[in-house]
């Protein structure tokens, strides 16, 4: 059994003790050791690794292209609608390695990715995301997202991008099953759905049912933009969450409890009640929502409804960085005097089941996913008890040589080859 001895922050208190784990990387011991007194201000502290509960890691390729002033529509036109069809396996791999390496530098040990950039190539590009996670050493919940809408009246760039994402629900399910053969103790494959505007009714019903059959979470963007509410009212005669409840009431899905909703900027009181009643989780992407001006989730109302809240960063190019703690600090500042900062500090620190253990919290039976912090800086990181970062340096890759330099070259080639953006 491997172990660490030192100051431990288990989320409830800080104490001097020992944490041990078995050969699989599951915590078997969390023992206080008396007589050490108060934790010195300059001491290294062992904490649970962070869980980034919503991410589009491939979008890190756009980080040096994007302008912070862009709203969501402008951002999409100048990034995904312009370059999606130019994404190659190498570009996906490097972009995701950049994203995962930067997350780990902030102490993130687990990430939930929503990935729909399939490029009409089956799992070729998807496998690059998995390979990037393995090369960095991060734990990955990979949501293979079904995007099955093409807007024929859209701009040429948007339509070409949508065609490259497009898969029927049957095709998406087949490719999802193919990827499950690659699962291990650091990789979970699960279904994901894009949104009311990019997923048909049939795809939504089948994706949610499939997740239940596989006992996996299902990710879904819900009401990130006001347009999704208007679309749902026009198409289904009700708001998005009421539509999901209708699928349940009609027996077209067996449950909604495993569905993880991201953003939730445009909910009403009835929708919040339905989310809570069904035991669903919500992931806040607060800094991204504010930056691209989609709207903003009503966090006090979500809390009052008793809905479990997690934090995500979405894509790096539409956010300030990939620091989950930065999301909490942003929310603390926004709700100063309105929400107890200790409550916000708890967002995403609940246990999240993953295979034989759990992530997000520190305790016996959970994975030994740890960050060692000194003077506010992440120094060492362990994932499943295996050290992935030491003294601030990633062990699996030379980030500048293996990722940043070649990615800059790919971005230069990609932008040089691109046509001028549409008006």
Protein backbone atom coordinates (compact mmCIF):
# COMPACT_ATOMS: atom_id res chain seq x y z
CA UNK A 1 0.00 0.00 0.00
CA UNK A 2 1.27 3.50 -0.91
CA UNK A 3 0.73 6.46 1.37
CA UNK A 4 1.37 10.14 2.07
CA UNK A 5 1.80 11.72 5.48
CA UNK A 6 1.24 15.41 6.10
CA UNK A 7 -1.42 18.04 6.53
CA UNK A 8 -4.71 16.86 5.02
CA UNK A 9 -7.73 18.96 4.09
CA UNK A 10 -10.68 16.56 3.82
CA UNK A 11 -13.20 19.34 3.11
CA UNK A 12 -14.43 19.51 6.69
CA UNK A 13 -11.18 20.15 8.60
CA UNK A 14 -7.41 20.33 8.23
CA UNK A 15 -5.43 17.84 10.27
CA UNK A 16 -2.05 16.15 10.35
CA UNK A 17 -2.46 12.58 9.21
CA UNK A 18 -1.84 9.79 6.78
CA UNK A 19 -3.66 8.83 3.60
CA UNK A 20 -3.05 5.43 2.04
CA UNK A 21 -4.29 3.65 -1.06
CA UNK A 22 -4.19 0.18 -2.56
CA UNK A 23 -2.68 -1.05 -5.82
CA UNK A 24 -5.80 0.01 -7.75
CA UNK A 25 -5.54 3.55 -6.45
CA UNK A 26 -8.51 3.44 -4.04
CA UNK A 27 -8.14 5.13 -0.66
CA UNK A 28 -7.97 2.58 2.15
CA UNK A 29 -6.83 4.79 5.03
CA UNK A 30 -7.40 8.36 6.16
CA UNK A 31 -5.97 8.51 9.66
CA UNK A 32 -5.36 11.57 11.86
CA UNK A 33 -2.01 11.53 13.65
CA UNK A 34 -2.07 13.52 16.87
CA UNK A 35 0.38 15.98 18.31
CA UNK A 36 1.12 18.17 15.33
CA UNK A 37 -0.78 21.31 16.41
CA UNK A 38 -2.07 23.93 13.98
CA UNK A 39 -1.19 23.72 10.30
CA UNK A 40 1.68 26.14 9.54
CA UNK A 41 0.89 28.76 6.90
CA UNK A 42 3.73 27.55 4.66
CA UNK A 43 2.94 23.82 4.97
CA UNK A 44 2.07 21.62 2.03
CA UNK A 45 -1.58 20.53 2.23
CA UNK A 46 -3.05 17.39 0.64
CA UNK A 47 -6.51 17.88 -0.84
CA UNK A 48 -8.91 16.07 -3.12
CA UNK A 49 -8.20 16.81 -6.77
CA UNK A 50 -10.66 19.10 -8.50
CA UNK A 51 -13.43 17.81 -10.76
CA UNK A 52 -14.18 19.87 -13.88
CA UNK A 53 -17.74 18.78 -14.58
CA UNK A 54 -18.19 20.32 -18.04
CA UNK A 55 -15.55 20.86 -20.70
CA UNK A 56 -14.97 21.03 -24.44
CA UNK A 57 -11.20 20.38 -24.41
CA UNK A 58 -10.68 20.53 -28.17
CA UNK A 59 -11.68 24.20 -28.09
CA UNK A 60 -8.32 25.03 -26.52
CA UNK A 61 -7.05 25.25 -30.10
CA UNK A 62 -9.00 28.52 -30.38
CA UNK A 63 -7.61 30.12 -27.21
CA UNK A 64 -5.16 32.39 -29.01
CA UNK A 65 -7.67 33.23 -31.74
CA UNK A 66 -10.70 34.25 -29.69
CA UNK A 67 -11.47 37.83 -28.66
CA UNK A 68 -12.85 38.33 -25.16
CA UNK A 69 -15.41 40.86 -26.44
CA UNK A 70 -17.22 38.35 -28.68
CA UNK A 71 -20.73 37.28 -27.83
CA UNK A 72 -21.68 33.63 -28.40
CA UNK A 73 -22.82 34.09 -31.99
CA UNK A 74 -19.68 35.97 -32.97
CA UNK A 75 -17.51 33.48 -31.10
CA UNK A 76 -19.07 30.55 -32.96
CA UNK A 77 -18.67 32.21 -36.36
CA UNK A 78 -14.96 32.90 -35.82
CA UNK A 79 -14.06 29.58 -34.18
CA UNK A 80 -16.07 26.39 -34.58
CA UNK A 81 -18.00 27.42 -37.73
CA UNK A 82 -14.80 28.56 -39.39
CA UNK A 83 -12.38 25.82 -38.36
CA UNK A 84 -14.28 22.67 -37.33
CA UNK A 85 -13.96 21.08 -40.74
CA UNK A 86 -10.19 21.72 -40.67
CA UNK A 87 -9.63 19.78 -37.45
CA UNK A 88 -7.29 16.84 -37.93
CA UNK A 89 -6.43 14.03 -35.51
CA UNK A 90 -3.17 15.81 -34.64
CA UNK A 91 -4.94 19.10 -33.95
CA UNK A 92 -7.55 17.44 -31.74
CA UNK A 93 -4.86 15.55 -29.83
CA UNK A 94 -2.68 18.63 -29.25
CA UNK A 95 -5.61 20.88 -28.32
CA UNK A 96 -6.87 18.35 -25.76
CA UNK A 97 -3.40 17.80 -24.35
CA UNK A 98 -3.13 21.57 -23.90
CA UNK A 99 -6.49 21.66 -22.14
CA UNK A 100 -5.87 18.67 -19.89
CA UNK A 101 -2.34 19.80 -18.98
CA UNK A 102 -3.58 23.26 -18.04
CA UNK A 103 -6.39 21.78 -15.96
CA UNK A 104 -3.93 19.59 -14.09
CA UNK A 105 -1.72 22.59 -13.34
CA UNK A 106 -4.71 23.99 -11.42
CA UNK A 107 -5.13 20.74 -9.46
CA UNK A 108 -7.83 19.15 -11.63
CA UNK A 109 -7.64 15.37 -11.59
CA UNK A 110 -10.96 14.52 -13.28
CA UNK A 111 -12.85 16.10 -16.15
CA UNK A 112 -16.17 15.48 -17.85
CA UNK A 113 -15.88 16.22 -21.56
CA UNK A 114 -18.73 16.81 -24.00
CA UNK A 115 -17.43 15.97 -27.45
CA UNK A 116 -19.30 16.29 -30.73
CA UNK A 117 -16.57 17.11 -33.24
CA UNK A 118 -16.66 13.73 -34.97
CA UNK A 119 -15.78 15.07 -38.42
CA UNK A 120 -17.73 12.34 -40.20
CA UNK A 121 -14.93 9.91 -39.30
CA UNK A 122 -16.55 7.62 -36.78
CA UNK A 123 -14.35 7.50 -33.70
CA UNK A 124 -11.08 8.63 -35.30
CA UNK A 125 -11.13 12.09 -33.71
CA UNK A 126 -12.83 10.86 -30.53
CA UNK A 127 -9.95 8.47 -29.90
CA UNK A 128 -7.54 11.40 -29.95
CA UNK A 129 -9.35 12.95 -26.97
CA UNK A 130 -8.94 9.69 -25.06
CA UNK A 131 -5.28 9.46 -26.05
CA UNK A 132 -4.69 13.03 -24.87
CA UNK A 133 -6.22 12.25 -21.48
CA UNK A 134 -3.98 9.21 -21.13
CA UNK A 135 -0.82 11.09 -22.10
CA UNK A 136 -1.52 13.79 -19.49
CA UNK A 137 -2.77 11.27 -16.91
CA UNK A 138 -6.12 12.92 -16.15
CA UNK A 139 -9.26 10.93 -15.31
CA UNK A 140 -11.86 11.33 -18.04
CA UNK A 141 -15.64 11.01 -18.23
CA UNK A 142 -16.01 11.12 -22.00
CA UNK A 143 -19.43 12.16 -23.19
CA UNK A 144 -19.68 11.10 -26.83
CA UNK A 145 -22.21 13.64 -27.96
CA UNK A 146 -24.92 13.06 -30.55
CA UNK A 147 -25.53 16.12 -32.73
CA UNK A 148 -28.18 15.24 -35.29
CA UNK A 149 -29.51 18.52 -36.69
CA UNK A 150 -28.38 20.38 -39.82
CA UNK A 151 -29.94 23.78 -40.44
CA UNK A 152 -30.15 24.02 -44.22
CA UNK A 153 -30.87 27.77 -44.05
CA UNK A 154 -27.76 28.46 -41.93
CA UNK A 155 -24.62 30.20 -43.13
CA UNK A 156 -22.22 28.13 -45.22
CA UNK A 157 -19.71 27.78 -42.37
CA UNK A 158 -22.30 26.75 -39.80
CA UNK A 159 -23.94 24.28 -42.17
CA UNK A 160 -20.60 22.68 -43.10
CA UNK A 161 -19.74 22.34 -39.41
CA UNK A 162 -23.08 20.79 -38.57
CA UNK A 163 -22.72 18.29 -41.38
CA UNK A 164 -19.35 17.27 -39.98
CA UNK A 165 -20.88 16.73 -36.52
CA UNK A 166 -24.03 15.01 -37.76
CA UNK A 167 -24.79 11.40 -36.86
CA UNK A 168 -28.09 9.58 -36.58
CA UNK A 169 -28.94 8.29 -33.10
CA UNK A 170 -28.36 4.75 -34.35
CA UNK A 171 -24.91 5.61 -35.71
CA UNK A 172 -23.97 7.49 -32.55
CA UNK A 173 -25.01 4.54 -30.39
CA UNK A 174 -22.93 2.13 -32.46
CA UNK A 175 -19.82 4.27 -32.12
CA UNK A 176 -20.46 4.76 -28.41
CA UNK A 177 -20.47 1.00 -27.86
CA UNK A 178 -17.26 0.73 -29.84
CA UNK A 179 -15.50 3.14 -27.47
CA UNK A 180 -16.66 1.36 -24.31
CA UNK A 181 -14.17 -1.41 -25.13
CA UNK A 182 -11.41 1.09 -24.29
CA UNK A 183 -12.65 1.84 -20.78
CA UNK A 184 -10.39 1.36 -17.78
CA UNK A 185 -10.22 2.68 -14.24
CA UNK A 186 -9.45 6.20 -15.50
CA UNK A 187 -11.89 6.32 -18.43
CA UNK A 188 -15.68 6.22 -18.50
CA UNK A 189 -17.59 6.44 -21.79
CA UNK A 190 -21.12 7.80 -21.61
CA UNK A 191 -23.79 9.13 -23.96
CA UNK A 192 -24.21 12.87 -24.37
CA UNK A 193 -26.67 15.08 -26.20
CA UNK A 194 -26.05 18.58 -27.40
CA UNK A 195 -29.14 20.74 -26.85
CA UNK A 196 -32.69 21.50 -27.89
CA UNK A 197 -31.38 23.16 -31.05
CA UNK A 198 -28.88 20.47 -32.09
CA UNK A 199 -30.62 17.25 -30.99
CA UNK A 200 -33.88 15.90 -32.37
CA UNK A 201 -36.64 14.60 -30.14
CA UNK A 202 -35.80 11.02 -31.15
CA UNK A 203 -32.12 11.53 -30.33
CA UNK A 204 -32.90 13.04 -26.92
CA UNK A 205 -35.24 10.20 -25.97
CA UNK A 206 -32.83 7.49 -27.17
CA UNK A 207 -29.76 9.07 -25.57
CA UNK A 208 -31.37 9.40 -22.15
CA UNK A 209 -32.71 5.84 -22.32
CA UNK A 210 -29.31 4.52 -23.42
CA UNK A 211 -27.57 6.17 -20.49
CA UNK A 212 -30.00 4.48 -18.10
CA UNK A 213 -29.46 1.10 -19.76
CA UNK A 214 -25.68 1.50 -19.45
CA UNK A 215 -25.88 3.00 -15.95
CA UNK A 216 -23.97 6.05 -17.10
CA UNK A 217 -24.60 9.78 -16.78
CA UNK A 218 -25.93 11.67 -19.79
CA UNK A 219 -24.80 15.25 -20.41
CA UNK A 220 -27.14 17.83 -21.95
CA UNK A 221 -26.85 21.61 -22.48
CA UNK A 222 -30.12 23.01 -21.13
CA UNK A 223 -31.24 26.57 -21.85
CA UNK A 224 -27.74 27.99 -22.23
CA UNK A 225 -29.22 30.51 -24.64
CA UNK A 226 -32.68 32.12 -24.64
CA UNK A 227 -33.13 30.82 -28.19
CA UNK A 228 -33.39 27.24 -26.91
CA UNK A 229 -36.40 28.19 -24.81
CA UNK A 230 -38.08 29.88 -27.77
CA UNK A 231 -37.31 26.89 -30.00
CA UNK A 232 -38.77 24.44 -27.48
CA UNK A 233 -41.93 26.52 -27.09
CA UNK A 234 -42.34 26.62 -30.87
CA UNK A 235 -41.49 22.97 -31.52
CA UNK A 236 -42.97 21.26 -28.44
CA UNK A 237 -45.34 23.82 -26.98
CA UNK A 238 -43.47 23.89 -23.66
CA UNK A 239 -40.18 24.90 -22.08
CA UNK A 240 -37.15 22.55 -22.34
CA UNK A 241 -37.32 20.95 -18.90
CA UNK A 242 -41.07 20.46 -19.23
CA UNK A 243 -40.36 18.67 -22.52
CA UNK A 244 -37.93 16.30 -20.78
CA UNK A 245 -40.55 15.64 -18.09
CA UNK A 246 -43.05 14.84 -20.82
CA UNK A 247 -40.68 12.19 -22.23
CA UNK A 248 -40.63 10.62 -18.76
CA UNK A 249 -44.37 10.84 -18.24
CA UNK A 250 -45.02 9.23 -21.62
CA UNK A 251 -42.67 6.35 -20.79
CA UNK A 252 -40.23 7.22 -23.57
CA UNK A 253 -37.38 7.47 -21.06
CA UNK A 254 -37.16 5.39 -17.88
CA UNK A 255 -35.65 8.10 -15.67
CA UNK A 256 -34.11 11.57 -15.66
CA UNK A 257 -32.07 11.10 -12.49
CA UNK A 258 -28.87 10.33 -14.42
CA UNK A 259 -29.09 13.41 -16.66
CA UNK A 260 -26.54 16.14 -15.97
CA UNK A 261 -27.62 19.57 -17.17
CA UNK A 262 -25.13 22.30 -17.96
CA UNK A 263 -25.58 26.09 -17.99
CA UNK A 264 -29.33 26.39 -17.14
CA UNK A 265 -29.36 30.14 -17.71
CA UNK A 266 -33.04 30.47 -18.66
CA UNK A 267 -35.01 28.27 -16.25
CA UNK A 268 -38.27 29.23 -14.60
CA UNK A 269 -39.53 28.09 -11.20
CA UNK A 270 -41.44 25.11 -12.58
CA UNK A 271 -38.35 23.83 -14.39
CA UNK A 272 -36.24 24.11 -11.24
CA UNK A 273 -38.86 22.13 -9.33
CA UNK A 274 -38.79 19.41 -11.99
CA UNK A 275 -34.99 19.21 -11.93
CA UNK A 276 -35.03 18.84 -8.14
CA UNK A 277 -37.89 16.34 -8.15
CA UNK A 278 -36.06 14.12 -10.63
CA UNK A 279 -32.77 14.22 -8.71
CA UNK A 280 -30.86 15.75 -11.63
CA UNK A 281 -27.54 17.59 -11.32
CA UNK A 282 -26.66 21.02 -12.74
CA UNK A 283 -23.20 22.16 -13.82
CA UNK A 284 -22.55 25.90 -13.71
CA UNK A 285 -20.33 27.39 -16.42
CA UNK A 286 -20.65 30.83 -14.91
CA UNK A 287 -17.61 32.66 -16.25
CA UNK A 288 -18.24 31.41 -19.79
CA UNK A 289 -21.91 32.40 -19.65
CA UNK A 290 -20.97 35.89 -18.52
CA UNK A 291 -18.17 36.32 -21.06
CA UNK A 292 -20.12 35.28 -24.17
CA UNK A 293 -23.29 36.98 -22.90
CA UNK A 294 -25.70 34.03 -23.14
CA UNK A 295 -27.46 34.88 -19.89
CA UNK A 296 -26.72 33.74 -16.35
CA UNK A 297 -28.02 30.96 -14.09
CA UNK A 298 -30.09 32.01 -11.07
CA UNK A 299 -27.81 30.39 -8.51
CA UNK A 300 -29.80 31.43 -5.41
CA UNK A 301 -32.97 29.95 -6.93
CA UNK A 302 -31.14 26.74 -7.86
CA UNK A 303 -29.87 26.43 -4.29
CA UNK A 304 -33.30 27.16 -2.85
CA UNK A 305 -34.68 24.33 -4.99
CA UNK A 306 -32.19 21.89 -3.44
CA UNK A 307 -30.47 21.06 -6.75
CA UNK A 308 -26.90 19.69 -6.48
CA UNK A 309 -24.48 22.09 -8.19
CA UNK A 310 -21.14 21.38 -9.84
CA UNK A 311 -18.69 23.71 -11.58
CA UNK A 312 -17.35 23.45 -15.13
CA UNK A 313 -15.22 25.63 -17.34
CA UNK A 314 -16.70 24.83 -20.78
CA UNK A 315 -14.02 25.61 -23.40
CA UNK A 316 -10.84 27.53 -22.65
CA UNK A 317 -11.33 29.87 -25.62
CA UNK A 318 -14.65 31.11 -24.23
CA UNK A 319 -13.43 31.41 -20.63
CA UNK A 320 -10.59 33.11 -18.75
CA UNK A 321 -8.85 29.79 -18.07
CA UNK A 322 -9.61 26.19 -17.07
CA UNK A 323 -9.45 26.65 -13.30
CA UNK A 324 -12.47 25.19 -11.50
CA UNK A 325 -11.53 27.11 -8.37
CA UNK A 326 -11.68 30.25 -10.49
CA UNK A 327 -15.34 29.46 -11.14
CA UNK A 328 -16.00 29.32 -7.41
CA UNK A 329 -14.14 32.57 -6.77
CA UNK A 330 -16.10 34.29 -9.54
CA UNK A 331 -19.39 33.16 -8.00
CA UNK A 332 -18.29 34.24 -4.53
CA UNK A 333 -17.60 37.74 -5.84
CA UNK A 334 -20.84 37.91 -7.80
CA UNK A 335 -22.95 36.77 -4.84
CA UNK A 336 -21.02 38.50 -2.04
CA UNK A 337 -23.42 39.12 0.82
CA UNK A 338 -26.11 36.96 -0.78
CA UNK A 339 -24.71 33.41 -0.70
CA UNK A 340 -22.42 32.10 2.04
CA UNK A 341 -19.01 31.59 0.35
CA UNK A 342 -18.70 28.27 2.20
CA UNK A 343 -21.72 27.04 0.25
CA UNK A 344 -20.14 28.03 -3.06
CA UNK A 345 -16.87 26.41 -1.99
CA UNK A 346 -18.80 23.15 -1.78
CA UNK A 347 -19.96 23.23 -5.42
CA UNK A 348 -18.49 20.19 -7.13
CA UNK A 349 -16.90 18.77 -3.98
CA UNK A 350 -19.65 16.18 -3.54
CA UNK A 351 -18.75 12.58 -4.28
CA UNK A 352 -19.34 11.58 -7.88
CA UNK A 353 -19.41 7.84 -8.55
CA UNK A 354 -16.80 6.62 -10.99
CA UNK A 355 -16.32 2.88 -11.52
CA UNK A 356 -15.18 1.11 -8.37
CA UNK A 357 -14.73 4.35 -6.44
CA UNK A 358 -15.75 8.00 -6.50
CA UNK A 359 -14.20 11.36 -7.32
CA UNK A 360 -14.64 14.93 -6.12
CA UNK A 361 -14.28 14.21 -2.41
CA UNK A 362 -11.61 12.73 -0.17
CA UNK A 363 -12.44 9.59 1.78
CA UNK A 364 -11.99 5.86 2.20
CA UNK A 365 -13.39 4.05 -0.83
CA UNK A 366 -12.76 6.98 -3.18
CA UNK A 367 -10.02 7.27 -5.76
CA UNK A 368 -6.68 8.64 -4.56
CA UNK A 369 -6.98 11.67 -6.81
CA UNK A 370 -4.98 14.25 -4.90
CA UNK A 371 -3.41 17.67 -5.21
CA UNK A 372 -0.62 18.85 -2.92
CA UNK A 373 -0.76 22.62 -2.48
CA UNK A 374 1.88 24.88 -0.96
CA UNK A 375 1.50 28.67 -0.59
CA UNK A 376 -1.53 28.58 -2.85
CA UNK A 377 0.28 26.78 -5.69
CA UNK A 378 -0.35 23.23 -6.86
CA UNK A 379 2.93 21.36 -6.59
CA UNK A 380 2.15 17.64 -6.92
CA UNK A 381 -0.83 15.77 -8.38
CA UNK A 382 -1.83 12.12 -8.07
CA UNK A 383 -4.53 10.36 -10.12
CA UNK A 384 -5.54 6.98 -8.78
CA UNK A 385 -2.47 7.09 -6.56
CA UNK A 386 -0.13 7.57 -9.55
CA UNK A 387 1.89 10.78 -9.52
CA UNK A 388 1.19 12.81 -12.65
CA UNK A 389 2.75 16.14 -11.67
CA UNK A 390 5.78 16.80 -9.46
CA UNK A 391 6.96 20.17 -8.19
CA UNK A 392 4.71 21.92 -10.72
CA UNK A 393 5.98 19.91 -13.70
CA UNK A 394 3.86 17.46 -15.67
CA UNK A 395 5.55 14.06 -15.72
CA UNK A 396 3.98 12.51 -18.83
CA UNK A 397 4.80 15.29 -21.28
CA UNK A 398 7.15 18.18 -21.82
CA UNK A 399 4.33 20.68 -22.25
CA UNK A 400 6.27 23.32 -24.20
CA UNK A 401 8.11 20.89 -26.48
CA UNK A 402 5.39 18.26 -26.95
CA UNK A 403 2.23 20.37 -26.90
CA UNK A 404 2.52 24.15 -27.01
CA UNK A 405 5.13 24.51 -29.75
CA UNK A 406 3.58 22.03 -32.22
CA UNK A 407 0.08 23.37 -31.48
CA UNK A 408 1.17 26.92 -32.29
CA UNK A 409 2.45 25.62 -35.62
CA UNK A 410 -0.86 23.86 -36.31
CA UNK A 411 -2.87 26.97 -35.43
CA UNK A 412 -0.72 29.09 -37.75
CA UNK A 413 -1.26 26.63 -40.59
CA UNK A 414 -4.98 26.34 -39.87
CA UNK A 415 -5.61 30.09 -39.79
CA UNK A 416 -3.48 30.73 -42.87
CA UNK A 417 -5.48 28.22 -44.86
CA UNK A 418 -8.88 29.43 -43.74
CA UNK A 419 -11.09 31.56 -45.92
CA UNK A 420 -12.14 34.99 -44.73
CA UNK A 421 -15.04 34.80 -42.23
CA UNK A 422 -18.52 35.43 -43.51
CA UNK A 423 -20.07 38.82 -42.96
